[in-house]
């Protein structure tokens, strides 16, 4: 996958279109990512003990990876991601806009 945990991404489609956020978690087997502050859902939790009140927890639900685009740290614009093999045989991600390594 071309997007990693901790990357800053922009949402391309859906109710949160245009928003940006940091990738919290990646679900590689389902091709989904969870982004901070985006696609927020509520989960109603029952009380665990008698006399305790129930809770309503808000959490970011996963989004398909095709609906997000990486934001280049150098240009601060959304960009496509490519790969380049350096002289020391190390494979790095590059920004297609800036043509610079991301990592």
N, C-alpha and C. Protein backbone atom coordinates (compact mmCIF):
# COMPACT_ATOMS: atom_id res chain seq x y z
N UNK A 1 0.84 -1.18 0.00
CA UNK A 1 0.00 0.00 0.00
C UNK A 1 0.89 1.24 0.00
N UNK A 2 0.44 2.25 -0.70
CA UNK A 2 1.26 3.44 -0.85
C UNK A 2 1.05 4.45 0.26
N UNK A 3 0.06 4.23 1.12
CA UNK A 3 -0.19 5.12 2.25
C UNK A 3 0.15 4.37 3.53
N UNK A 4 0.84 5.05 4.44
CA UNK A 4 1.27 4.42 5.68
C UNK A 4 0.67 5.14 6.89
N UNK A 5 0.76 4.50 8.03
CA UNK A 5 0.27 5.08 9.27
C UNK A 5 1.07 6.36 9.58
N UNK A 6 0.35 7.41 9.94
CA UNK A 6 1.00 8.69 10.25
C UNK A 6 1.05 9.66 9.10
N UNK A 7 0.72 9.21 7.88
CA UNK A 7 0.69 10.11 6.72
C UNK A 7 -0.48 11.07 6.82
N UNK A 8 -0.32 12.25 6.24
CA UNK A 8 -1.41 13.22 6.16
C UNK A 8 -2.09 13.02 4.81
N UNK A 9 -3.42 12.82 4.83
CA UNK A 9 -4.16 12.54 3.60
C UNK A 9 -5.34 13.49 3.44
N UNK A 10 -5.82 13.59 2.20
CA UNK A 10 -6.99 14.40 1.86
C UNK A 10 -8.10 13.45 1.42
N UNK A 11 -9.33 13.72 1.86
CA UNK A 11 -10.48 12.88 1.49
C UNK A 11 -11.02 13.37 0.15
N UNK A 12 -11.19 12.45 -0.81
CA UNK A 12 -11.62 12.80 -2.16
C UNK A 12 -13.13 12.73 -2.35
N UNK A 13 -13.81 11.80 -1.68
CA UNK A 13 -15.24 11.63 -1.90
C UNK A 13 -15.97 11.43 -0.57
N UNK A 14 -17.29 11.55 -0.62
CA UNK A 14 -18.11 11.26 0.54
C UNK A 14 -18.49 12.51 1.31
N UNK A 15 -19.07 12.31 2.49
CA UNK A 15 -19.58 13.42 3.28
C UNK A 15 -18.47 14.32 3.82
N UNK A 16 -17.26 13.81 3.91
CA UNK A 16 -16.13 14.59 4.42
C UNK A 16 -15.18 15.01 3.31
N UNK A 17 -15.68 15.17 2.10
CA UNK A 17 -14.85 15.51 0.94
C UNK A 17 -14.11 16.83 1.17
N UNK A 18 -12.80 16.82 0.91
CA UNK A 18 -11.99 18.02 1.05
C UNK A 18 -11.29 18.14 2.40
N UNK A 19 -11.70 17.36 3.39
CA UNK A 19 -11.07 17.42 4.70
C UNK A 19 -9.73 16.70 4.67
N UNK A 20 -8.86 17.07 5.59
CA UNK A 20 -7.57 16.41 5.71
C UNK A 20 -7.42 15.85 7.12
N UNK A 21 -6.58 14.87 7.26
CA UNK A 21 -6.34 14.26 8.56
C UNK A 21 -5.18 13.29 8.51
N UNK A 22 -4.79 12.82 9.68
CA UNK A 22 -3.67 11.89 9.82
C UNK A 22 -4.21 10.47 9.84
N UNK A 23 -3.52 9.56 9.17
CA UNK A 23 -3.92 8.15 9.13
C UNK A 23 -3.61 7.53 10.49
N UNK A 24 -4.67 6.98 11.12
CA UNK A 24 -4.52 6.36 12.43
C UNK A 24 -4.21 4.88 12.33
N UNK A 25 -4.89 4.21 11.40
CA UNK A 25 -4.76 2.76 11.29
C UNK A 25 -4.98 2.34 9.85
N UNK A 26 -4.32 1.26 9.45
CA UNK A 26 -4.47 0.72 8.10
C UNK A 26 -4.96 -0.71 8.19
N UNK A 27 -5.98 -1.02 7.40
CA UNK A 27 -6.53 -2.39 7.30
C UNK A 27 -6.17 -2.90 5.91
N UNK A 28 -4.98 -3.46 5.77
CA UNK A 28 -4.47 -3.83 4.45
C UNK A 28 -5.25 -4.96 3.81
N UNK A 29 -5.81 -5.88 4.61
CA UNK A 29 -6.56 -6.99 4.03
C UNK A 29 -7.89 -6.53 3.43
N UNK A 30 -8.43 -5.39 3.90
CA UNK A 30 -9.68 -4.85 3.36
C UNK A 30 -9.45 -3.61 2.51
N UNK A 31 -8.19 -3.18 2.32
CA UNK A 31 -7.85 -1.98 1.55
C UNK A 31 -8.54 -0.74 2.10
N UNK A 32 -8.50 -0.56 3.43
CA UNK A 32 -9.15 0.58 4.08
C UNK A 32 -8.19 1.27 5.03
N UNK A 33 -8.46 2.56 5.29
CA UNK A 33 -7.69 3.33 6.25
C UNK A 33 -8.64 4.07 7.18
N UNK A 34 -8.18 4.31 8.39
CA UNK A 34 -8.94 5.08 9.37
C UNK A 34 -8.22 6.42 9.54
N UNK A 35 -8.95 7.54 9.32
CA UNK A 35 -8.36 8.87 9.32
C UNK A 35 -8.91 9.66 10.50
N UNK A 36 -8.03 10.38 11.17
CA UNK A 36 -8.38 11.15 12.36
C UNK A 36 -9.37 12.28 12.03
N UNK A 37 -10.50 12.30 12.74
CA UNK A 37 -11.48 13.37 12.58
C UNK A 37 -12.35 13.29 11.35
N UNK A 38 -12.33 12.18 10.65
CA UNK A 38 -13.08 12.03 9.40
C UNK A 38 -13.94 10.77 9.47
N UNK A 39 -15.14 10.82 8.88
CA UNK A 39 -16.07 9.69 8.83
C UNK A 39 -16.38 9.20 10.25
N UNK A 40 -16.76 10.14 11.11
CA UNK A 40 -17.02 9.83 12.50
C UNK A 40 -18.39 9.18 12.68
N UNK A 41 -18.42 8.09 13.41
CA UNK A 41 -19.65 7.37 13.71
C UNK A 41 -19.80 7.27 15.23
N UNK A 42 -21.04 6.99 15.66
CA UNK A 42 -21.32 6.80 17.08
C UNK A 42 -21.61 5.34 17.36
N UNK A 43 -21.17 4.89 18.54
CA UNK A 43 -21.44 3.54 18.99
C UNK A 43 -22.05 3.65 20.38
N UNK A 44 -23.23 3.07 20.56
CA UNK A 44 -23.90 3.11 21.86
C UNK A 44 -23.45 1.93 22.70
N UNK A 45 -22.87 2.23 23.86
CA UNK A 45 -22.34 1.20 24.74
C UNK A 45 -23.30 1.00 25.91
N UNK A 46 -23.59 -0.23 26.24
CA UNK A 46 -24.44 -0.54 27.38
C UNK A 46 -23.65 -0.36 28.66
N UNK A 47 -24.34 -0.11 29.76
CA UNK A 47 -23.62 -0.01 31.04
C UNK A 47 -23.07 -1.37 31.45
N UNK A 48 -21.89 -1.38 32.01
CA UNK A 48 -21.25 -2.64 32.42
C UNK A 48 -21.72 -3.09 33.80
N UNK A 49 -21.98 -2.14 34.69
CA UNK A 49 -22.43 -2.46 36.05
C UNK A 49 -23.81 -1.87 36.27
N UNK A 50 -24.51 -2.43 37.22
CA UNK A 50 -25.84 -1.92 37.53
C UNK A 50 -25.73 -0.54 38.17
N UNK A 51 -26.59 0.38 37.73
CA UNK A 51 -26.57 1.74 38.24
C UNK A 51 -25.66 2.67 37.44
N UNK A 52 -24.84 2.12 36.58
CA UNK A 52 -23.95 2.91 35.74
C UNK A 52 -24.71 3.36 34.50
N UNK A 53 -24.39 4.52 33.98
CA UNK A 53 -25.06 5.03 32.78
C UNK A 53 -24.38 4.47 31.53
N UNK A 54 -25.16 4.35 30.46
CA UNK A 54 -24.60 3.93 29.18
C UNK A 54 -23.80 5.08 28.56
N UNK A 55 -23.07 4.77 27.51
CA UNK A 55 -22.22 5.78 26.88
C UNK A 55 -22.45 5.80 25.39
N UNK A 56 -22.14 6.92 24.81
CA UNK A 56 -22.19 7.09 23.36
C UNK A 56 -20.78 7.45 22.92
N UNK A 57 -20.11 6.53 22.27
CA UNK A 57 -18.70 6.71 21.89
C UNK A 57 -18.62 7.08 20.42
N UNK A 58 -17.81 8.10 20.12
CA UNK A 58 -17.60 8.53 18.74
C UNK A 58 -16.23 8.01 18.28
N UNK A 59 -16.18 7.44 17.07
CA UNK A 59 -14.93 6.89 16.55
C UNK A 59 -14.86 7.07 15.04
N UNK A 60 -13.65 7.16 14.48
CA UNK A 60 -13.51 7.27 13.03
C UNK A 60 -13.63 5.90 12.36
N UNK A 61 -14.57 5.77 11.45
CA UNK A 61 -14.77 4.52 10.73
C UNK A 61 -13.81 4.45 9.54
N UNK A 62 -13.46 3.26 9.09
CA UNK A 62 -12.53 3.13 7.96
C UNK A 62 -13.12 3.62 6.65
N UNK A 63 -12.24 4.12 5.78
CA UNK A 63 -12.58 4.59 4.43
C UNK A 63 -11.74 3.78 3.45
N UNK A 64 -12.30 3.53 2.27
CA UNK A 64 -11.54 2.80 1.26
C UNK A 64 -10.34 3.62 0.82
N UNK A 65 -9.25 2.96 0.56
CA UNK A 65 -7.98 3.63 0.25
C UNK A 65 -8.04 4.42 -1.05
N UNK A 66 -8.96 4.06 -1.96
CA UNK A 66 -9.08 4.79 -3.22
C UNK A 66 -9.73 6.15 -3.03
N UNK A 67 -10.33 6.40 -1.86
CA UNK A 67 -11.00 7.66 -1.59
C UNK A 67 -10.13 8.66 -0.83
N UNK A 68 -8.86 8.34 -0.65
CA UNK A 68 -7.94 9.27 -0.01
C UNK A 68 -6.72 9.48 -0.89
N UNK A 69 -6.09 10.65 -0.73
CA UNK A 69 -4.89 10.98 -1.51
C UNK A 69 -3.85 11.57 -0.57
N UNK A 70 -2.62 11.16 -0.71
CA UNK A 70 -1.54 11.60 0.15
C UNK A 70 -1.25 13.08 -0.07
N UNK A 71 -0.93 13.80 1.02
CA UNK A 71 -0.52 15.19 0.93
C UNK A 71 1.00 15.23 1.07
N UNK A 72 1.65 15.83 0.07
CA UNK A 72 3.11 15.90 0.04
C UNK A 72 3.59 16.82 1.17
N UNK A 73 4.54 16.36 2.00
CA UNK A 73 5.02 17.19 3.09
C UNK A 73 5.80 18.43 2.63
N UNK A 74 6.37 18.38 1.43
CA UNK A 74 7.18 19.50 0.95
C UNK A 74 6.32 20.60 0.31
N UNK A 75 5.37 20.21 -0.56
CA UNK A 75 4.55 21.19 -1.27
C UNK A 75 3.21 21.45 -0.59
N UNK A 76 2.83 20.58 0.34
CA UNK A 76 1.55 20.67 1.06
C UNK A 76 0.35 20.60 0.12
N UNK A 77 0.50 19.84 -0.97
CA UNK A 77 -0.58 19.61 -1.93
C UNK A 77 -0.81 18.11 -2.06
N UNK A 78 -2.03 17.74 -2.48
CA UNK A 78 -2.30 16.32 -2.68
C UNK A 78 -1.54 15.83 -3.90
N UNK A 79 -1.02 14.62 -3.81
CA UNK A 79 -0.17 14.10 -4.87
C UNK A 79 -0.33 12.59 -5.01
N UNK A 80 0.06 12.09 -6.16
CA UNK A 80 0.13 10.64 -6.34
C UNK A 80 1.46 10.15 -5.78
N UNK A 81 1.53 8.85 -5.53
CA UNK A 81 2.72 8.28 -4.92
C UNK A 81 3.36 7.29 -5.88
N UNK A 82 4.67 7.37 -6.00
CA UNK A 82 5.42 6.43 -6.81
C UNK A 82 6.55 5.85 -5.98
N UNK A 83 7.33 4.98 -6.60
CA UNK A 83 8.46 4.37 -5.91
C UNK A 83 9.73 4.59 -6.72
N UNK A 84 10.84 4.68 -6.02
CA UNK A 84 12.14 4.81 -6.66
C UNK A 84 13.14 4.00 -5.85
N UNK A 85 14.05 3.34 -6.53
CA UNK A 85 15.10 2.59 -5.85
C UNK A 85 16.35 3.45 -5.86
N UNK A 86 16.88 3.73 -4.67
CA UNK A 86 18.05 4.58 -4.54
C UNK A 86 19.32 3.79 -4.85
N UNK A 87 20.45 4.50 -4.82
CA UNK A 87 21.75 3.87 -5.12
C UNK A 87 22.11 2.78 -4.13
N UNK A 88 21.67 2.93 -2.87
CA UNK A 88 21.99 1.93 -1.86
C UNK A 88 20.97 0.79 -1.83
N UNK A 89 20.24 0.60 -2.93
CA UNK A 89 19.26 -0.48 -3.13
C UNK A 89 18.06 -0.38 -2.19
N UNK A 90 17.77 0.84 -1.70
CA UNK A 90 16.64 1.04 -0.81
C UNK A 90 15.47 1.61 -1.61
N UNK A 91 14.28 1.01 -1.41
CA UNK A 91 13.08 1.44 -2.12
C UNK A 91 12.37 2.50 -1.28
N UNK A 92 12.12 3.69 -1.87
CA UNK A 92 11.47 4.78 -1.15
C UNK A 92 10.26 5.27 -1.93
N UNK A 93 9.30 5.83 -1.20
CA UNK A 93 8.14 6.45 -1.84
C UNK A 93 8.52 7.85 -2.30
N UNK A 94 8.02 8.25 -3.46
CA UNK A 94 8.27 9.60 -3.95
C UNK A 94 6.96 10.28 -4.28
N UNK A 95 6.96 11.60 -4.17
CA UNK A 95 5.82 12.41 -4.55
C UNK A 95 5.91 12.68 -6.04
N UNK A 96 4.84 12.45 -6.78
CA UNK A 96 4.85 12.67 -8.22
C UNK A 96 4.88 14.16 -8.56
N UNK A 97 4.35 15.02 -7.67
CA UNK A 97 4.35 16.47 -7.93
C UNK A 97 5.72 17.07 -7.71
N UNK A 98 6.33 16.79 -6.57
CA UNK A 98 7.62 17.39 -6.23
C UNK A 98 8.79 16.54 -6.72
N UNK A 99 8.53 15.26 -7.08
CA UNK A 99 9.56 14.32 -7.50
C UNK A 99 10.64 14.18 -6.42
N UNK A 100 10.22 14.23 -5.16
CA UNK A 100 11.12 14.14 -4.01
C UNK A 100 10.72 12.95 -3.15
N UNK A 101 11.66 12.32 -2.45
CA UNK A 101 11.30 11.24 -1.52
C UNK A 101 10.43 11.74 -0.38
N UNK A 102 9.46 10.91 0.02
CA UNK A 102 8.53 11.26 1.09
C UNK A 102 9.10 10.86 2.43
N UNK A 103 9.68 9.67 2.52
CA UNK A 103 10.19 9.15 3.80
C UNK A 103 11.59 9.66 4.09
